[in-house]
């Protein structure tokens, strides 16, 4: 199955070469409140002892994500110390011993699985009592971000995401995080907040472990479908995951691209690399590149599968708006294909455009366009203006054109236009000596001052 990942902004400094990315560390720990009984919020909280409720303090907490390609791993570069069945034994999972601690116990279960995957023979020593001082603040609740031993865990908000987007997010995250993802839901079907550990996604179904002893099906501490709990992925409001996940021995290996990092995106072309988040050696990762001019409906291959080289240097044949897609796979396995995307606007000739009030006779607007060069003065320039009001009225809307014009010297072309009250788009065009359109750009403006 192909995995689609939307390219996101990469925060922090990038070390190009082995594509290691560093994210900013939060200046102070963020907190979430107790779950099952009280409110989970996105800022540090002040507790009202009389009402057992929480209020926002008004301080925003930093949310960071670390993408890394280097870690202390086995000789082959992959941390593979456990299998799927081993990390899903009932003995791995703990249950709540007290109410209001579902988020704490779910995080401990995630840490135990993570330790197993990384070959930690002392994974059973990770208990609620042992982890509590690092994960929990008594009287307040679960920490947002925490460090347990050498394992860093970050918390993220889902406030701005739709249910469909959350489903896609966790399908992707579970491929990268075999140890699981802790999700929290503010309003559950039971009427109180609750958290579970998502363990995996298979055949269209999310599986999880519910730490609550109140599970109606008696499935507490056992891997089961999320429909057997009071939590849904679509209604989750926040989640926790480890910063450096391992890999299962019997799982599909993924390159886990975190985004596309452009190093050049201008009139001369496009150069970029793929940032990956994996312990798989780069020598085992294949990269391919594609470009689309129709919003992703069809693609042209820029560079077919290349092993161990994540870069592209490309100059389009035609100006316009492009969607760039990069694909990764491991060991030539098409089941491990993942995709990331980024937009690129290619304008090879137009260097700048200008629209400003004209103070000369008759007034109006002074409109101009400049190209990077004009070999032997053979370029032809044209400016057209579209009336948005007429367009909305389904009437002929192209109301002005300069026609195709040469300039005797230089690389700029100017015109003066007197608009009436309204909203407009100016289309700047450049043609070669054969009259072929070779570049164009648009600019919107309004004339609404009286």
Protein backbone atom coordinates (compact mmCIF):
# COMPACT_ATOMS: atom_id res chain seq x y z
CA UNK A 1 0.00 0.00 0.00
CA UNK A 2 1.34 3.42 -0.88
CA UNK A 3 1.69 5.93 1.88
CA UNK A 4 0.91 9.59 1.17
CA UNK A 5 2.45 12.24 3.37
CA UNK A 6 1.84 15.93 2.95
CA UNK A 7 5.08 17.86 2.98
CA UNK A 8 5.31 20.00 6.06
CA UNK A 9 7.49 22.86 7.25
CA UNK A 10 10.74 21.57 8.67
CA UNK A 11 11.72 23.49 11.78
CA UNK A 12 15.30 24.02 12.85
CA UNK A 13 18.72 23.63 11.30
CA UNK A 14 19.32 20.99 8.63
CA UNK A 15 22.59 19.12 8.30
CA UNK A 16 22.68 18.32 4.59
CA UNK A 17 24.44 15.15 3.53
CA UNK A 18 22.97 12.50 5.76
CA UNK A 19 19.81 14.62 6.03
CA UNK A 20 19.70 15.01 9.79
CA UNK A 21 17.28 17.65 11.05
CA UNK A 22 17.37 19.27 14.46
CA UNK A 23 14.32 20.86 16.07
CA UNK A 24 14.26 23.50 18.76
CA UNK A 25 13.97 22.18 22.30
CA UNK A 26 11.09 23.60 24.38
CA UNK A 27 12.20 26.11 26.97
CA UNK A 28 10.08 24.54 29.69
CA UNK A 29 7.90 21.50 30.11
CA UNK A 30 4.25 21.75 29.15
CA UNK A 31 1.53 20.06 31.12
CA UNK A 32 -1.70 18.30 30.43
CA UNK A 33 -4.25 17.72 33.16
CA UNK A 34 -5.47 14.48 34.70
CA UNK A 35 -7.67 12.53 32.34
CA UNK A 36 -10.81 10.47 33.01
CA UNK A 37 -11.96 13.18 35.42
CA UNK A 38 -10.59 16.60 34.60
CA UNK A 39 -9.77 18.67 31.55
CA UNK A 40 -6.84 18.22 29.18
CA UNK A 41 -5.64 21.62 27.96
CA UNK A 42 -2.87 22.91 25.73
CA UNK A 43 -1.23 25.33 28.16
CA UNK A 44 0.10 25.14 31.74
CA UNK A 45 -2.85 25.16 34.12
CA UNK A 46 -3.96 26.54 37.44
CA UNK A 47 -6.17 24.24 39.48
CA UNK A 48 -9.19 25.37 41.46
CA UNK A 49 -9.13 23.11 44.51
CA UNK A 50 -12.78 23.77 45.27
CA UNK A 51 -14.19 22.78 41.88
CA UNK A 52 -11.40 20.44 40.65
CA UNK A 53 -11.38 22.27 37.31
CA UNK A 54 -8.60 23.88 35.33
CA UNK A 55 -8.11 27.27 33.72
CA UNK A 56 -5.63 28.39 31.09
CA UNK A 57 -2.70 30.45 32.25
CA UNK A 58 -2.32 32.10 28.85
CA UNK A 59 1.17 30.76 28.21
CA UNK A 60 1.76 28.98 24.91
CA UNK A 61 4.00 25.92 25.06
CA UNK A 62 6.49 25.08 22.31
CA UNK A 63 5.73 22.01 20.25
CA UNK A 64 8.67 20.43 18.52
CA UNK A 65 9.41 17.43 16.39
CA UNK A 66 12.81 15.85 15.86
CA UNK A 67 13.67 14.17 12.58
CA UNK A 68 16.89 12.20 12.72
CA UNK A 69 18.74 9.80 10.51
CA UNK A 70 21.54 8.96 12.99
CA UNK A 71 21.32 6.98 16.25
CA UNK A 72 23.20 4.33 18.21
CA UNK A 73 21.99 1.27 16.36
CA UNK A 74 23.10 -2.19 15.40
CA UNK A 75 25.82 -2.80 12.86
CA UNK A 76 23.35 -3.02 10.00
CA UNK A 77 21.88 0.35 10.94
CA UNK A 78 18.48 -1.01 12.00
CA UNK A 79 17.14 -1.45 15.52
CA UNK A 80 15.30 -4.77 15.22
CA UNK A 81 15.14 -6.49 18.60
CA UNK A 82 11.50 -7.62 18.85
CA UNK A 83 8.67 -8.98 16.76
CA UNK A 84 5.04 -7.95 16.48
CA UNK A 85 3.69 -10.77 18.68
CA UNK A 86 6.31 -10.12 21.36
CA UNK A 87 5.35 -6.49 21.87
CA UNK A 88 1.64 -7.39 22.03
CA UNK A 89 1.77 -9.99 24.80
CA UNK A 90 -0.59 -9.26 27.67
CA UNK A 91 2.38 -9.25 30.04
CA UNK A 92 3.62 -6.09 28.30
CA UNK A 93 0.58 -4.03 29.20
CA UNK A 94 -0.27 -2.53 32.57
CA UNK A 95 -3.71 -1.51 33.84
CA UNK A 96 -4.88 1.47 35.82
CA UNK A 97 -4.76 1.05 39.59
CA UNK A 98 -6.43 4.41 40.21
CA UNK A 99 -8.86 6.62 38.31
CA UNK A 100 -7.69 9.66 36.42
CA UNK A 101 -4.37 8.12 35.33
CA UNK A 102 -5.26 6.61 31.95
CA UNK A 103 -2.86 8.92 30.10
CA UNK A 104 -0.04 8.01 32.49
CA UNK A 105 -0.59 4.25 32.18
CA UNK A 106 -1.00 4.43 28.39
CA UNK A 107 2.32 6.28 28.14
CA UNK A 108 4.01 3.70 30.37
CA UNK A 109 2.72 0.93 28.10
CA UNK A 110 4.17 2.79 25.12
CA UNK A 111 7.53 3.06 26.89
CA UNK A 112 7.55 -0.68 27.68
CA UNK A 113 6.92 -1.58 24.04
CA UNK A 114 9.55 0.91 22.91
CA UNK A 115 12.11 -0.65 25.27
CA UNK A 116 11.32 -4.11 23.92
CA UNK A 117 11.78 -2.94 20.34
CA UNK A 118 15.15 -1.41 21.21
CA UNK A 119 16.36 -4.60 22.89
CA UNK A 120 16.19 -3.33 26.49
CA UNK A 121 16.18 -6.45 28.69
CA UNK A 122 15.01 -4.33 31.64
CA UNK A 123 11.75 -3.31 29.96
CA UNK A 124 9.72 -4.91 32.78
CA UNK A 125 11.25 -2.43 35.20
CA UNK A 126 9.33 0.35 33.46
CA UNK A 127 6.31 0.53 35.76
CA UNK A 128 3.82 3.22 36.65
CA UNK A 129 5.57 3.84 39.97
CA UNK A 130 8.99 4.02 38.33
CA UNK A 131 7.92 6.34 35.52
CA UNK A 132 5.52 8.55 37.44
CA UNK A 133 8.09 11.10 38.69
CA UNK A 134 9.22 11.78 35.11
CA UNK A 135 5.81 11.70 33.41
CA UNK A 136 3.37 13.06 35.95
CA UNK A 137 2.84 16.06 38.22
CA UNK A 138 0.63 15.19 41.18
CA UNK A 139 -2.38 17.45 41.41
CA UNK A 140 -1.99 18.56 37.80
CA UNK A 141 -1.56 15.58 35.52
CA UNK A 142 0.38 14.31 32.53
CA UNK A 143 3.36 16.30 31.28
CA UNK A 144 3.24 17.47 27.69
CA UNK A 145 6.82 16.56 26.83
CA UNK A 146 9.03 14.37 28.99
CA UNK A 147 12.25 12.40 29.11
CA UNK A 148 12.34 8.89 30.56
CA UNK A 149 15.86 7.55 30.61
CA UNK A 150 17.19 8.05 27.09
CA UNK A 151 13.70 8.14 25.56
CA UNK A 152 12.21 11.53 24.68
CA UNK A 153 8.44 11.78 24.23
CA UNK A 154 6.57 14.73 22.72
CA UNK A 155 2.93 15.72 22.90
CA UNK A 156 1.02 17.29 19.98
CA UNK A 157 -2.35 18.95 19.64
CA UNK A 158 -5.00 17.82 17.14
CA UNK A 159 -7.23 20.85 17.66
CA UNK A 160 -7.08 22.16 14.09
CA UNK A 161 -7.49 18.79 12.31
CA UNK A 162 -10.60 17.15 10.92
CA UNK A 163 -11.53 13.57 11.73
CA UNK A 164 -10.44 12.44 8.28
CA UNK A 165 -7.08 14.16 8.68
CA UNK A 166 -6.56 12.48 12.06
CA UNK A 167 -7.22 9.05 10.56
CA UNK A 168 -4.63 9.69 7.83
CA UNK A 169 -2.16 11.06 10.38
CA UNK A 170 -2.31 8.02 12.66
CA UNK A 171 -2.21 5.58 9.76
CA UNK A 172 1.09 7.22 8.84
CA UNK A 173 2.45 7.58 12.39
CA UNK A 174 1.82 3.94 13.25
CA UNK A 175 4.00 2.92 10.29
CA UNK A 176 6.80 4.93 11.82
CA UNK A 177 6.04 4.15 15.46
CA UNK A 178 5.65 0.41 16.09
CA UNK A 179 5.80 1.15 19.83
CA UNK A 180 2.43 2.87 19.44
CA UNK A 181 0.86 6.30 19.88
CA UNK A 182 -1.03 7.48 22.96
CA UNK A 183 -4.20 9.32 21.97
CA UNK A 184 -6.47 11.29 24.27
CA UNK A 185 -10.11 12.25 23.72
CA UNK A 186 -11.73 15.06 25.68
CA UNK A 187 -15.38 14.04 25.18
CA UNK A 188 -15.82 10.28 24.90
CA UNK A 189 -18.98 8.22 24.53
CA UNK A 190 -18.80 7.61 28.29
CA UNK A 191 -18.92 11.32 29.01
CA UNK A 192 -15.42 11.74 30.46
CA UNK A 193 -11.89 12.21 29.03
CA UNK A 194 -9.91 9.07 28.33
CA UNK A 195 -6.66 7.92 26.71
CA UNK A 196 -5.59 4.66 25.06
CA UNK A 197 -2.45 3.37 23.35
CA UNK A 198 -2.89 2.92 19.60
CA UNK A 199 -0.82 -0.16 18.76
CA UNK A 200 -1.22 -0.71 15.02
CA UNK A 201 -3.45 -0.32 11.96
CA UNK A 202 -4.38 -3.31 9.83
CA UNK A 203 -6.99 -3.99 7.12
CA UNK A 204 -8.74 -0.68 7.73
CA UNK A 205 -8.95 -1.13 11.52
CA UNK A 206 -7.13 0.67 14.34
CA UNK A 207 -6.01 -1.53 17.24
CA UNK A 208 -5.24 -0.28 20.73
CA UNK A 209 -4.77 -1.16 24.39
CA UNK A 210 -7.21 0.35 26.87
CA UNK A 211 -5.63 0.79 30.33
CA UNK A 212 -9.00 1.28 32.05
CA UNK A 213 -10.33 -1.44 34.36
CA UNK A 214 -13.76 -0.08 33.49
CA UNK A 215 -13.63 -1.40 29.91
CA UNK A 216 -17.10 -2.78 29.32
CA UNK A 217 -15.85 -5.79 27.38
CA UNK A 218 -13.30 -6.85 29.97
CA UNK A 219 -10.54 -6.04 27.49
CA UNK A 220 -8.42 -3.83 29.72
CA UNK A 221 -4.71 -4.36 29.11
CA UNK A 222 -5.28 -6.37 25.94
CA UNK A 223 -4.78 -5.52 22.28
CA UNK A 224 -8.23 -4.96 20.79
CA UNK A 225 -9.99 -2.83 18.19
CA UNK A 226 -10.53 0.78 19.09
CA UNK A 227 -14.27 0.28 18.61
CA UNK A 228 -14.15 -1.78 21.84
CA UNK A 229 -13.26 1.37 23.77
CA UNK A 230 -14.94 4.73 24.45
CA UNK A 231 -12.30 6.53 22.34
CA UNK A 232 -12.32 7.21 18.59
CA UNK A 233 -9.44 8.33 16.42
CA UNK A 234 -11.62 10.92 14.70
CA UNK A 235 -12.37 12.71 17.99
CA UNK A 236 -8.93 12.58 19.60
CA UNK A 237 -7.66 15.99 20.73
CA UNK A 238 -3.98 15.29 21.45
CA UNK A 239 -1.36 12.55 21.27
CA UNK A 240 2.05 11.48 22.59
CA UNK A 241 4.80 9.67 20.66
CA UNK A 242 8.49 8.89 21.12
CA UNK A 243 11.01 11.05 19.31
CA UNK A 244 13.20 8.21 17.98
CA UNK A 245 11.18 5.10 17.12
CA UNK A 246 12.76 1.75 16.34
CA UNK A 247 11.82 -0.91 13.79
CA UNK A 248 10.15 -4.29 14.16
CA UNK A 249 12.10 -7.30 12.95
CA UNK A 250 9.10 -8.69 11.06
CA UNK A 251 7.69 -5.36 9.88
CA UNK A 252 8.01 -3.50 6.57
CA UNK A 253 10.91 -1.08 6.70
CA UNK A 254 10.11 2.51 5.79
CA UNK A 255 12.26 5.52 4.94
CA UNK A 256 9.65 7.78 6.57
CA UNK A 257 10.21 10.99 4.58
CA UNK A 258 9.49 14.01 6.73
CA UNK A 259 9.42 16.55 3.92
CA UNK A 260 11.18 18.08 0.94
CA UNK A 261 13.99 20.57 1.60
CA UNK A 262 14.50 22.97 -1.35
CA UNK A 263 17.95 24.45 -1.78
CA UNK A 264 17.00 26.34 -4.96
CA UNK A 265 13.60 27.36 -6.29
CA UNK A 266 13.92 30.26 -8.70
CA UNK A 267 13.94 31.22 -12.38
CA UNK A 268 16.92 28.94 -13.03
CA UNK A 269 15.20 25.78 -11.83
CA UNK A 270 14.64 23.61 -8.78
CA UNK A 271 17.00 21.72 -6.46
CA UNK A 272 15.88 19.84 -3.35
CA UNK A 273 16.46 16.84 -1.11
CA UNK A 274 14.23 14.50 0.89
CA UNK A 275 14.48 14.58 4.68
CA UNK A 276 14.03 11.05 6.04
CA UNK A 277 13.33 9.89 9.59
CA UNK A 278 14.64 6.34 9.75
CA UNK A 279 17.40 4.13 11.02
CA UNK A 280 17.58 2.36 7.68
CA UNK A 281 20.96 3.15 6.06
CA UNK A 282 20.64 5.52 3.13
CA UNK A 283 22.36 2.95 0.95
CA UNK A 284 19.18 0.86 1.17
CA UNK A 285 16.75 3.69 0.36
CA UNK A 286 15.54 4.42 -3.18
CA UNK A 287 14.36 7.89 -4.22
CA UNK A 288 12.29 9.01 -7.22
CA UNK A 289 10.89 12.40 -8.26
CA UNK A 290 7.81 13.53 -10.21
CA UNK A 291 6.16 16.81 -11.26
CA UNK A 292 2.53 17.67 -11.95
CA UNK A 293 0.99 20.76 -13.60
CA UNK A 294 -2.63 19.74 -12.95
CA UNK A 295 -2.72 19.59 -9.19
CA UNK A 296 -1.64 15.96 -8.94
CA UNK A 297 -3.99 14.37 -11.48
CA UNK A 298 -1.09 13.35 -13.70
CA UNK A 299 2.67 13.28 -13.13
CA UNK A 300 5.79 13.35 -15.27
CA UNK A 301 8.82 11.47 -13.98
CA UNK A 302 11.76 13.77 -13.29
CA UNK A 303 14.10 11.13 -11.90
CA UNK A 304 13.40 7.40 -11.64
CA UNK A 305 14.43 5.26 -8.68
CA UNK A 306 17.96 6.08 -7.55
CA UNK A 307 19.50 4.25 -4.59
CA UNK A 308 21.20 6.23 -1.85
CA UNK A 309 20.83 9.66 -3.48
CA UNK A 310 18.02 11.89 -2.20
CA UNK A 311 18.66 14.99 -4.34
CA UNK A 312 17.12 16.43 -7.49
CA UNK A 313 18.33 19.23 -9.76
CA UNK A 314 15.67 20.05 -12.35
CA UNK A 315 14.82 22.79 -14.83
CA UNK A 316 11.26 22.60 -16.22
CA UNK A 317 10.68 22.96 -19.94
CA UNK A 318 7.61 25.17 -19.43
CA UNK A 319 6.75 27.94 -16.98
CA UNK A 320 3.91 27.47 -14.51
CA UNK A 321 2.78 26.09 -11.16
CA UNK A 322 4.09 22.63 -10.30
CA UNK A 323 3.40 20.08 -7.60
CA UNK A 324 6.63 18.24 -6.86
CA UNK A 325 6.35 14.69 -5.49
CA UNK A 326 9.20 12.65 -4.03
CA UNK A 327 8.85 8.93 -3.36
CA UNK A 328 10.94 6.69 -1.12
CA UNK A 329 11.15 2.93 -0.70
CA UNK A 330 13.45 0.52 1.11
CA UNK A 331 15.27 -2.42 -0.49
CA UNK A 332 13.24 -2.06 -3.69
CA UNK A 333 10.06 -3.07 -1.84
CA UNK A 334 7.07 -1.29 -3.40
CA UNK A 335 5.04 -1.98 -0.23
CA UNK A 336 7.28 0.53 1.52
CA UNK A 337 6.66 3.40 -0.94
CA UNK A 338 5.88 6.71 0.74
CA UNK A 339 5.30 10.13 -0.82
CA UNK A 340 5.88 13.75 0.13
CA UNK A 341 4.82 16.87 -1.78
CA UNK A 342 5.72 20.51 -2.20
CA UNK A 343 4.67 23.31 -4.58
CA UNK A 344 7.00 25.15 -6.95
CA UNK A 345 6.24 28.19 -9.11
CA UNK A 346 8.54 28.40 -12.12
CA UNK A 347 8.87 31.72 -13.92
CA UNK A 348 12.04 31.70 -16.06
CA UNK A 349 11.93 35.20 -17.59
CA UNK A 350 9.86 37.65 -15.53
CA UNK A 351 12.07 39.27 -12.92
CA UNK A 352 9.54 41.71 -11.50
CA UNK A 353 6.28 43.54 -12.01
CA UNK A 354 4.97 46.85 -10.76
CA UNK A 355 1.60 48.55 -10.29
CA UNK A 356 1.50 51.96 -8.66
CA UNK A 357 -0.57 55.16 -8.82
CA UNK A 358 0.34 57.33 -11.79
CA UNK A 359 0.76 61.03 -10.91
CA UNK A 360 1.12 62.28 -14.46
CA UNK A 361 -1.57 63.72 -16.73
CA UNK A 362 -4.83 61.79 -16.53
CA UNK A 363 -3.80 59.80 -13.44
CA UNK A 364 -4.52 56.10 -13.21
CA UNK A 365 -2.03 53.30 -12.64
CA UNK A 366 1.51 52.89 -13.93
CA UNK A 367 2.00 49.22 -14.72
CA UNK A 368 5.27 47.58 -15.73
CA UNK A 369 7.05 44.27 -16.19
CA UNK A 370 10.78 43.46 -16.25
CA UNK A 371 12.61 40.39 -17.55
CA UNK A 372 16.02 39.06 -16.58
CA UNK A 373 17.30 39.74 -20.09
CA UNK A 374 16.09 40.64 -23.59
CA UNK A 375 18.46 39.09 -26.17
CA UNK A 376 18.75 41.38 -29.21
CA UNK A 377 15.49 43.08 -28.05
CA UNK A 378 13.50 40.17 -29.52
CA UNK A 379 11.13 39.60 -26.60
CA UNK A 380 7.58 40.87 -26.95
CA UNK A 381 5.71 42.07 -23.87
CA UNK A 382 1.98 42.20 -23.22
CA UNK A 383 -0.22 43.25 -20.33
CA UNK A 384 -3.90 42.36 -20.08
CA UNK A 385 -6.42 43.35 -17.41
CA UNK A 386 -9.40 41.36 -16.19
CA UNK A 387 -12.39 42.97 -14.48
CA UNK A 388 -13.46 40.70 -11.61
CA UNK A 389 -16.90 42.30 -11.37
CA UNK A 390 -17.68 41.53 -14.99
CA UNK A 391 -16.31 38.02 -14.54
CA UNK A 392 -18.65 37.46 -11.59
CA UNK A 393 -21.54 38.67 -13.77
CA UNK A 394 -20.56 36.16 -16.46
CA UNK A 395 -19.81 38.97 -18.92
CA UNK A 396 -16.74 39.46 -21.13
CA UNK A 397 -14.13 40.45 -18.55
CA UNK A 398 -10.86 41.10 -20.43
CA UNK A 399 -11.18 44.86 -20.72
CA UNK A 400 -7.67 46.07 -21.58
CA UNK A 401 -4.58 44.90 -23.47
CA UNK A 402 -1.39 46.54 -24.63
CA UNK A 403 -1.00 44.00 -27.41
CA UNK A 404 2.38 42.38 -28.06
CA UNK A 405 5.04 45.06 -27.98
CA UNK A 406 8.79 45.21 -28.50
CA UNK A 407 11.00 47.63 -26.53
CA UNK A 408 13.84 49.49 -28.23
CA UNK A 409 16.21 49.09 -25.30
CA UNK A 410 16.40 47.58 -21.84
CA UNK A 411 14.34 44.81 -20.29
CA UNK A 412 11.24 46.67 -19.07
CA UNK A 413 7.87 47.52 -20.57
CA UNK A 414 5.41 50.08 -19.15
CA UNK A 415 1.86 51.25 -19.70
CA UNK A 416 -0.62 53.63 -18.03
CA UNK A 417 -4.22 52.60 -17.42
CA UNK A 418 -7.16 54.51 -15.93
CA UNK A 419 -9.52 52.05 -14.20
CA UNK A 420 -12.98 52.69 -12.81
CA UNK A 421 -13.99 51.61 -9.31
CA UNK A 422 -13.52 47.83 -8.92
CA UNK A 423 -11.32 44.79 -8.52
CA UNK A 424 -8.90 43.58 -11.19
CA UNK A 425 -6.23 41.10 -12.22
CA UNK A 426 -3.29 42.08 -14.41
CA UNK A 427 -1.77 39.38 -16.59
CA UNK A 428 1.88 39.98 -17.51
CA UNK A 429 3.11 38.01 -20.51
CA UNK A 430 6.38 37.56 -22.41
CA UNK A 431 6.73 36.03 -25.90
CA UNK A 432 9.79 34.93 -27.83
CA UNK A 433 10.65 36.14 -31.34
CA UNK A 434 8.30 33.52 -32.83
CA UNK A 435 5.35 34.77 -30.82
CA UNK A 436 5.39 31.76 -28.48
CA UNK A 437 4.31 32.48 -24.92
CA UNK A 438 7.35 31.72 -22.72
CA UNK A 439 6.36 33.21 -19.36
CA UNK A 440 3.47 34.83 -17.54
CA UNK A 441 2.52 36.03 -14.08
CA UNK A 442 -0.60 37.55 -12.51
CA UNK A 443 -1.16 40.29 -10.00
CA UNK A 444 -4.41 41.26 -8.32
CA UNK A 445 -5.25 44.83 -7.35
CA UNK A 446 -8.18 47.02 -6.40
CA UNK A 447 -9.28 50.55 -7.20
CA UNK A 448 -11.80 51.28 -4.48
CA UNK A 449 -10.67 54.64 -3.13
CA UNK A 450 -13.02 57.54 -3.83
